[in-house]
Protein backbone atom coordinates (compact mmCIF):
# COMPACT_ATOMS: atom_id res chain seq x y z
CA UNK A 1 68.63 46.62 -106.52
CA UNK A 2 66.36 43.72 -107.46
CA UNK A 3 68.58 41.28 -109.36
CA UNK A 4 67.71 38.04 -111.17
CA UNK A 5 69.51 36.20 -108.38
CA UNK A 6 67.26 37.75 -105.72
CA UNK A 7 64.15 36.97 -107.76
CA UNK A 8 65.26 33.34 -108.14
CA UNK A 9 65.97 32.96 -104.42
CA UNK A 10 62.65 34.52 -103.37
CA UNK A 11 60.87 32.32 -105.92
CA UNK A 12 62.35 29.31 -104.13
CA UNK A 13 61.09 30.58 -100.78
CA UNK A 14 57.63 31.32 -102.14
CA UNK A 15 57.24 27.86 -103.70
CA UNK A 16 57.41 26.25 -100.26
CA UNK A 17 53.99 27.71 -99.45
CA UNK A 18 52.38 25.86 -102.36
CA UNK A 19 53.45 22.26 -101.67
CA UNK A 20 49.90 21.17 -100.72
CA UNK A 21 48.02 23.91 -102.54
CA UNK A 22 44.64 23.42 -104.16
CA UNK A 23 44.82 23.10 -107.95
CA UNK A 24 43.15 26.41 -108.70
CA UNK A 25 45.56 28.36 -106.49
CA UNK A 26 48.74 26.34 -106.95
CA UNK A 27 52.15 27.34 -108.30
CA UNK A 28 50.85 27.04 -111.86
CA UNK A 29 48.47 29.90 -111.01
CA UNK A 30 51.43 32.00 -109.89
CA UNK A 31 53.29 31.25 -113.12
CA UNK A 32 50.30 32.24 -115.25
CA UNK A 33 49.81 35.44 -113.28
CA UNK A 34 53.50 36.23 -113.71
CA UNK A 35 53.24 35.80 -117.50
CA UNK A 36 50.24 38.12 -117.74
CA UNK A 37 51.48 40.62 -115.14
CA UNK A 38 54.85 41.11 -116.85
CA UNK A 39 53.14 41.51 -120.20
CA UNK A 40 50.82 44.17 -118.75
CA UNK A 41 53.66 45.71 -116.74
CA UNK A 42 55.82 46.27 -119.81
CA UNK A 43 53.00 48.14 -121.55
CA UNK A 44 52.19 50.16 -118.42
CA UNK A 45 55.86 50.98 -117.74
CA UNK A 46 55.85 49.35 -114.29
CA UNK A 47 58.98 48.39 -112.36
CA UNK A 48 59.18 44.77 -113.49
CA UNK A 49 61.43 43.66 -110.62
CA UNK A 50 58.98 44.87 -108.01
CA UNK A 51 56.07 43.45 -109.98
CA UNK A 52 57.63 40.01 -110.39
CA UNK A 53 58.44 39.70 -106.68
CA UNK A 54 54.90 40.78 -105.81
CA UNK A 55 53.49 38.10 -108.12
CA UNK A 56 55.67 35.40 -106.57
CA UNK A 57 54.50 36.32 -103.06
CA UNK A 58 50.88 37.33 -103.62
CA UNK A 59 49.23 34.01 -102.73
CA UNK A 60 51.57 32.53 -100.09
CA UNK A 61 48.70 32.41 -97.57
CA UNK A 62 45.90 31.45 -99.97
CA UNK A 63 45.99 27.76 -99.05
CA UNK A 64 45.53 28.58 -95.36
CA UNK A 65 42.52 30.76 -96.16
CA UNK A 66 40.90 27.98 -98.19
CA UNK A 67 41.53 25.45 -95.44
CA UNK A 68 39.87 27.76 -92.92
CA UNK A 69 36.90 28.23 -95.23
CA UNK A 70 36.39 24.50 -95.60
CA UNK A 71 36.53 24.03 -91.83
CA UNK A 72 34.06 26.79 -91.09
CA UNK A 73 31.74 26.08 -94.04
CA UNK A 74 31.68 29.74 -95.01
CA UNK A 75 33.97 32.59 -96.02
CA UNK A 76 36.17 33.31 -93.02
CA UNK A 77 37.62 36.55 -91.71
CA UNK A 78 41.12 35.26 -92.45
CA UNK A 79 42.43 37.37 -95.36
CA UNK A 80 45.19 35.70 -97.35
CA UNK A 81 46.24 39.04 -98.84
CA UNK A 82 46.81 40.76 -95.49
CA UNK A 83 48.40 37.70 -93.90
CA UNK A 84 50.48 37.18 -97.02
CA UNK A 85 51.74 40.75 -96.76
CA UNK A 86 53.24 39.94 -93.37
CA UNK A 87 55.07 36.91 -94.74
CA UNK A 88 56.20 38.86 -97.79
CA UNK A 89 57.68 41.58 -95.59
CA UNK A 90 59.63 39.05 -93.51
CA UNK A 91 61.02 37.37 -96.61
CA UNK A 92 61.95 40.61 -98.37
CA UNK A 93 63.76 42.06 -95.36
CA UNK A 94 66.33 39.27 -95.60
CA UNK A 95 67.47 40.55 -98.98
CA UNK A 96 68.23 44.12 -97.91
CA UNK A 97 66.03 45.73 -100.50
CA UNK A 98 65.18 49.41 -100.38
CA UNK A 99 62.50 50.20 -97.83
CA UNK A 100 60.33 51.85 -100.46
CA UNK A 101 60.58 48.76 -102.69
CA UNK A 102 59.59 46.48 -99.81
CA UNK A 103 56.63 48.69 -98.96
CA UNK A 104 55.50 48.72 -102.59
CA UNK A 105 55.72 44.92 -102.89
CA UNK A 106 53.86 44.41 -99.60
CA UNK A 107 51.20 46.87 -100.78
CA UNK A 108 50.86 44.89 -104.02
CA UNK A 109 50.30 41.68 -102.04
CA UNK A 110 47.85 43.23 -99.58
CA UNK A 111 45.73 44.96 -102.22
CA UNK A 112 45.54 42.30 -104.92
CA UNK A 113 42.24 40.68 -103.97
CA UNK A 114 38.59 41.54 -104.56
CA UNK A 115 37.39 41.05 -101.03
CA UNK A 116 39.16 43.54 -98.80
CA UNK A 117 39.10 47.30 -98.37
CA UNK A 118 42.57 48.02 -99.71
CA UNK A 119 42.79 49.48 -103.20
CA UNK A 120 45.89 49.21 -105.41
CA UNK A 121 47.65 52.57 -105.53
CA UNK A 122 50.91 51.95 -107.39
CA UNK A 123 51.14 50.91 -111.03
CA UNK A 124 52.78 47.65 -109.92
CA UNK A 125 49.87 46.90 -107.57
CA UNK A 126 47.39 47.65 -110.35
CA UNK A 127 49.22 45.34 -112.76
CA UNK A 128 49.21 42.49 -110.23
CA UNK A 129 45.55 43.06 -109.41
CA UNK A 130 44.58 42.93 -113.08
CA UNK A 131 46.71 39.88 -113.89
CA UNK A 132 45.39 37.93 -110.91
CA UNK A 133 41.79 38.64 -111.90
CA UNK A 134 42.45 37.84 -115.55
CA UNK A 135 43.58 34.34 -114.56
CA UNK A 136 40.07 33.82 -113.17
CA UNK A 137 38.33 34.32 -116.51
CA UNK A 138 38.55 32.92 -120.02
CA UNK A 139 39.26 29.24 -120.73
CA UNK A 140 41.58 28.84 -117.75
CA UNK A 141 39.08 30.69 -115.57
CA UNK A 142 36.32 28.25 -116.49
CA UNK A 143 38.53 25.33 -115.50
CA UNK A 144 39.50 26.98 -112.23
CA UNK A 145 35.88 27.89 -111.48
CA UNK A 146 34.64 24.30 -111.64
CA UNK A 147 37.76 22.96 -109.92
CA UNK A 148 37.32 25.37 -107.01
CA UNK A 149 33.62 24.54 -106.63
CA UNK A 150 34.31 20.82 -106.49
CA UNK A 151 37.27 21.11 -104.16
CA UNK A 152 35.35 22.94 -101.43
CA UNK A 153 32.32 20.68 -101.40
CA UNK A 154 29.87 21.95 -104.01
CA UNK A 155 27.44 19.05 -104.46
CA UNK A 156 26.02 19.95 -107.84
CA UNK A 157 27.00 21.13 -111.29
CA UNK A 158 24.30 23.80 -111.04
CA UNK A 159 21.16 24.51 -109.02
CA UNK A 160 19.24 26.44 -111.63
CA UNK A 161 18.76 29.28 -109.15
CA UNK A 162 22.10 30.98 -109.69
CA UNK A 163 20.81 34.12 -111.40
CA UNK A 164 18.21 34.74 -108.71
CA UNK A 165 20.63 34.02 -105.87
CA UNK A 166 23.20 36.37 -107.42
CA UNK A 167 20.69 39.24 -107.21
CA UNK A 168 20.39 38.82 -103.43
CA UNK A 169 23.91 40.07 -102.82
CA UNK A 170 24.49 37.43 -100.12
CA UNK A 171 27.77 35.51 -99.96
CA UNK A 172 27.20 31.78 -100.49
CA UNK A 173 30.89 30.85 -100.65
CA UNK A 174 31.74 27.49 -99.07
CA UNK A 175 28.03 26.59 -98.66
CA UNK A 176 25.91 23.88 -100.28
CA UNK A 177 24.19 26.52 -102.43
CA UNK A 178 27.48 27.47 -104.04
CA UNK A 179 28.42 26.32 -107.52
CA UNK A 180 30.77 27.25 -110.33
CA UNK A 181 27.83 28.82 -112.15
CA UNK A 182 26.98 30.97 -109.13
CA UNK A 183 30.57 32.20 -108.92
CA UNK A 184 30.29 33.25 -112.54
CA UNK A 185 27.00 35.07 -111.96
CA UNK A 186 28.17 36.83 -108.79
CA UNK A 187 31.72 37.73 -109.70
CA UNK A 188 33.38 36.40 -112.83
CA UNK A 189 31.00 37.90 -115.40
CA UNK A 190 31.79 41.36 -114.00
CA UNK A 191 35.56 40.96 -113.69
CA UNK A 192 36.50 42.77 -116.89
CA UNK A 193 34.75 45.92 -115.66
CA UNK A 194 37.04 46.09 -112.64
CA UNK A 195 40.36 46.25 -114.44
CA UNK A 196 42.63 49.10 -113.38
CA UNK A 197 44.97 49.38 -116.37
CA UNK A 198 44.31 49.98 -120.04
CA UNK A 199 46.25 46.85 -121.00
CA UNK A 200 44.40 44.78 -118.42
CA UNK A 201 41.02 45.91 -119.73
CA UNK A 202 41.88 44.76 -123.23
CA UNK A 203 43.13 41.41 -121.98
CA UNK A 204 40.11 40.87 -119.73
CA UNK A 205 37.47 41.84 -122.29
CA UNK A 206 38.60 39.16 -124.71
CA UNK A 207 38.60 36.47 -122.02
CA UNK A 208 35.29 37.65 -120.62
CA UNK A 209 33.63 37.41 -124.03
CA UNK A 210 34.83 33.80 -124.34
CA UNK A 211 33.48 32.97 -120.89
CA UNK A 212 30.12 34.57 -121.65
CA UNK A 213 29.74 32.39 -124.73
CA UNK A 214 30.64 29.29 -122.72
CA UNK A 215 27.93 29.84 -120.10
CA UNK A 216 25.40 30.75 -122.79
CA UNK A 217 26.13 27.38 -124.40
CA UNK A 218 26.07 25.72 -120.97
CA UNK A 219 22.46 26.71 -120.33
CA UNK A 220 21.46 25.84 -123.90
CA UNK A 221 22.73 22.32 -123.29
CA UNK A 222 21.02 22.11 -119.89
CA UNK A 223 17.73 23.03 -121.59
CA UNK A 224 18.35 20.60 -124.46
CA UNK A 225 18.56 23.34 -127.06
CA UNK A 226 22.00 22.25 -128.24
């Protein structure tokens, strides 16, 4: 059984992996994802204990992935979701949870990201996936977008070529061509279409509309129209 005591203890273990985390994937991100995930999970009738543990563990290897990306100057093969699943399994085994619960939580961790081949299969995995993506859009998403771009070496606010570059389909992550605006054009403007739950879609659409208006205003200011 997943008790409040177990959740609290695993939360303490998970926090250790965020001591030097980048601001856009720090413990505050985990807390925000937890708030949204539990709200979605209640509406979708998910197992909230499994969902909460999955949220707490989903990004334990994210900082290592970002560090590797900065070193290599490109997106690396290191997958924080798959590597995080291994750590999650080791942590969960110490608490003598049911095997099926451990497997579900590990699956949630492994399948929560955009960029791997694993697709969320359980309702808990779908709720985590949606909540994690929702934190990347809206007002908070705008802040995280620019923070991430600056933290990994983006040298400009915008290049002016983002819309054309986005059409190429190439991955410019961790390169000098990257920018917060490019991340919006390539990924963030399409996030709401990728939601897996009904509740997540409603949440994401509202945030996506706000973000769309922001970048519309952004270019109007760049061009001196506002």
